[in-house]
Amino acid sequence: MREDFFLGGQFRDLEDLNAQLQHWLDTVANVRVHATTRRVVAEHFTEEHPSLQGLPAGAFQAVLRMERRITRDGMVSVNGNLYSVPNATRRRPVEVHSTAREIRIFEQDRLIAVHPVLEGRGQRRIAAGHRSLPPPANSHTLRQPRRPGEVVAQRSLAFYDAVARRLAGVGAGP
């Protein structure tokens, strides 16, 4: 269709396109002898039509299933994008189900992560809770000393306004 009907065609609107398409089907496409079956397309369709089944009422949801390995930083690569799994994920190979809108990640037949499909390539998505596990109850972890600048004090905007005034020499006191 792309090369025989659409290529070089001109259509005023959708109604004109549909009329030209129907004419092309009736005079060219469906009256030809098919190269593979060696039968006239319209005759073959008429013969098979009673055996055809209707489509399901709902939308068809195609699922591509694949096996992936979890990276060292807890990500799974699908179509050039990275999707997170929970830190507690133990098994390195996981099963991924990819649909048009969603990525589902399974570990030993148990669903462990669901992500919306990212557009394009080279993106990362980390789901809430995948990178913040509390330490085990029996752990005795030492608190690491903080580096200067790592923690920033929260102050009101009035404080910064006063600092700016002082630096500008406006309203500076003794």
Protein backbone atom coordinates (compact mmCIF):
# COMPACT_ATOMS: atom_id res chain seq x y z
CA MET A 1 0.00 0.00 0.00
CA ARG A 2 2.73 2.43 0.93
CA GLU A 3 4.48 2.15 -2.42
CA ASP A 4 1.57 1.27 -4.71
CA PHE A 5 -1.20 3.45 -3.32
CA PHE A 6 0.15 6.23 -1.09
CA LEU A 7 3.40 7.03 -2.90
CA GLY A 8 2.74 9.99 -5.17
CA GLY A 9 -0.94 10.16 -4.26
CA GLN A 10 -2.75 13.42 -3.53
CA PHE A 11 -5.80 13.62 -1.30
CA ARG A 12 -8.03 16.63 -0.59
CA ASP A 13 -9.27 15.25 2.72
CA LEU A 14 -10.00 11.99 4.53
CA GLU A 15 -13.17 11.39 2.52
CA ASP A 16 -11.23 11.74 -0.75
CA LEU A 17 -8.49 9.42 0.54
CA ASN A 18 -11.06 6.77 1.50
CA ALA A 19 -12.78 7.01 -1.90
CA GLN A 20 -9.48 6.67 -3.78
CA LEU A 21 -8.42 3.79 -1.55
CA GLN A 22 -11.66 1.90 -2.17
CA HIS A 23 -11.27 2.43 -5.93
CA TRP A 24 -7.65 1.16 -5.79
CA LEU A 25 -8.70 -1.90 -3.75
CA ASP A 26 -11.53 -2.72 -6.20
CA THR A 27 -9.52 -2.18 -9.41
CA VAL A 28 -5.92 -3.03 -8.49
CA ALA A 29 -5.14 -4.72 -5.15
CA ASN A 30 -7.97 -7.20 -4.70
CA VAL A 31 -8.26 -8.32 -8.34
CA ARG A 32 -4.58 -9.23 -8.73
CA VAL A 33 -3.13 -12.72 -8.39
CA HIS A 34 -1.21 -12.89 -5.12
CA ALA A 35 2.47 -13.77 -5.62
CA THR A 36 2.59 -16.31 -2.79
CA THR A 37 -0.80 -18.02 -2.92
CA ARG A 38 -1.21 -17.74 -6.73
CA ARG A 39 -4.88 -16.91 -6.13
CA VAL A 40 -6.98 -13.81 -6.80
CA VAL A 41 -7.03 -11.90 -3.51
CA ALA A 42 -10.77 -11.07 -3.46
CA GLU A 43 -11.77 -14.65 -4.31
CA HIS A 44 -9.50 -16.10 -1.66
CA PHE A 45 -10.89 -13.70 0.95
CA THR A 46 -14.51 -14.57 0.00
CA GLU A 47 -13.69 -18.26 0.47
CA GLU A 48 -12.01 -17.77 3.87
CA HIS A 49 -14.35 -15.11 5.27
CA PRO A 50 -16.82 -17.55 6.95
CA SER A 51 -13.96 -19.13 8.92
CA LEU A 52 -12.59 -15.86 10.29
CA GLN A 53 -13.20 -14.99 13.93
CA GLY A 54 -14.05 -11.56 15.30
CA LEU A 55 -11.51 -9.58 17.30
CA PRO A 56 -11.84 -9.39 21.09
CA ALA A 57 -13.89 -6.43 22.36
CA GLY A 58 -11.04 -4.97 24.43
CA ALA A 59 -7.76 -3.52 23.27
CA PHE A 60 -5.03 -6.07 22.59
CA GLN A 61 -2.14 -5.76 25.03
CA ALA A 62 1.05 -7.14 23.47
CA VAL A 63 3.66 -8.17 26.03
CA LEU A 64 7.30 -8.64 25.12
CA ARG A 65 8.97 -10.94 27.66
CA MET A 66 12.72 -10.89 28.08
CA GLU A 67 15.38 -11.85 30.56
CA ARG A 68 17.67 -9.11 31.84
CA ARG A 69 20.50 -8.91 34.35
CA ILE A 70 20.49 -6.36 37.15
CA THR A 71 23.43 -3.95 37.00
CA ARG A 72 25.63 -3.40 40.04
CA ASP A 73 23.75 -0.20 40.84
CA GLY A 74 20.38 -1.99 40.83
CA MET A 75 19.09 -1.09 37.37
CA VAL A 76 17.61 -3.10 34.49
CA SER A 77 18.20 -2.03 30.88
CA VAL A 78 15.24 -2.07 28.48
CA ASN A 79 15.38 -0.44 25.03
CA GLY A 80 18.31 1.80 25.97
CA ASN A 81 16.77 3.07 29.23
CA LEU A 82 17.44 2.01 32.82
CA TYR A 83 14.74 1.07 35.35
CA SER A 84 15.34 0.49 39.08
CA VAL A 85 14.65 -2.58 41.16
CA PRO A 86 14.46 -2.62 44.98
CA ASN A 87 17.78 -2.80 46.80
CA ALA A 88 16.67 -6.08 48.37
CA THR A 89 16.54 -7.83 44.98
CA ARG A 90 18.81 -10.84 45.30
CA ARG A 91 18.60 -12.63 42.00
CA ARG A 92 20.70 -11.13 39.24
CA PRO A 93 18.71 -12.33 36.18
CA VAL A 94 15.11 -11.09 36.21
CA GLU A 95 12.18 -11.43 33.81
CA VAL A 96 10.94 -8.20 32.24
CA HIS A 97 7.50 -7.75 30.66
CA SER A 98 7.38 -4.75 28.33
CA THR A 99 4.09 -3.33 27.03
CA ALA A 100 3.41 -0.14 25.10
CA ARG A 101 3.01 1.82 28.34
CA GLU A 102 4.61 -0.17 31.14
CA ILE A 103 7.71 -2.09 32.24
CA ARG A 104 7.09 -4.86 34.80
CA ILE A 105 10.05 -6.59 36.45
CA PHE A 106 9.71 -10.04 38.06
CA GLU A 107 12.10 -11.93 40.33
CA GLN A 108 11.29 -15.66 40.49
CA ASP A 109 7.71 -15.02 39.24
CA ARG A 110 7.13 -12.30 41.88
CA LEU A 111 6.45 -8.73 40.67
CA ILE A 112 9.10 -6.46 42.18
CA ALA A 113 8.86 -3.24 40.11
CA VAL A 114 6.52 -1.41 37.75
CA HIS A 115 7.61 1.61 35.70
CA PRO A 116 6.05 3.71 32.94
CA VAL A 117 7.93 3.31 29.66
CA LEU A 118 10.49 6.09 29.20
CA GLU A 119 10.51 7.92 25.86
CA GLY A 120 13.75 7.98 23.87
CA ARG A 121 17.00 6.43 25.06
CA GLY A 122 19.64 7.01 27.73
CA GLN A 123 17.19 7.82 30.54
CA ARG A 124 17.03 6.44 34.08
CA ARG A 125 14.00 5.96 36.31
CA ILE A 126 14.35 5.18 40.01
CA ALA A 127 11.06 4.33 41.71
CA ALA A 128 10.31 5.67 45.16
CA GLY A 129 11.62 3.33 47.84
CA HIS A 130 14.11 1.51 45.62
CA ARG A 131 17.17 3.25 47.01
CA SER A 132 16.30 3.90 50.64
CA LEU A 133 16.18 0.74 52.70
CA PRO A 134 16.43 1.08 56.48
CA PRO A 135 19.35 -0.78 58.07
CA PRO A 136 18.52 -4.24 59.42
CA ALA A 137 17.40 -4.31 63.07
CA ASN A 138 20.50 -6.25 64.15
CA SER A 139 23.00 -4.02 62.36
CA HIS A 140 25.48 -1.88 64.26
CA THR A 141 26.43 0.68 61.67
CA LEU A 142 28.57 3.60 62.69
CA ARG A 143 27.40 7.04 61.66
CA GLN A 144 29.78 8.52 59.14
CA PRO A 145 31.02 12.02 59.96
CA ARG A 146 29.52 14.63 57.66
CA ARG A 147 31.66 16.68 55.33
CA PRO A 148 31.52 20.49 55.45
CA GLY A 149 28.68 21.78 53.28
CA GLU A 150 26.91 18.43 53.20
CA VAL A 151 24.18 19.66 55.55
CA VAL A 152 22.63 23.06 54.94
CA ALA A 153 20.78 24.86 57.72
CA GLN A 154 17.22 25.88 56.91
CA ARG A 155 16.61 29.57 57.50
CA SER A 156 13.80 31.97 56.72
CA LEU A 157 14.05 34.31 53.73
CA ALA A 158 14.15 37.23 56.18
CA PHE A 159 17.60 36.04 57.32
CA TYR A 160 18.95 36.17 53.75
CA ASP A 161 17.30 39.55 53.21
CA ALA A 162 19.13 40.88 56.31
CA VAL A 163 22.44 39.45 55.06
CA ALA A 164 21.91 41.07 51.65
CA ARG A 165 21.11 44.44 53.25
CA ARG A 166 24.18 44.28 55.44
CA LEU A 167 26.43 43.40 52.48
CA ALA A 168 24.91 46.27 50.50
CA GLY A 169 25.44 48.65 53.42
CA VAL A 170 21.73 49.37 53.72
CA GLY A 171 20.30 49.37 57.20
CA ALA A 172 23.62 48.25 58.65
CA GLY A 173 23.77 48.78 62.36
CA PRO A 174 26.79 49.65 64.51
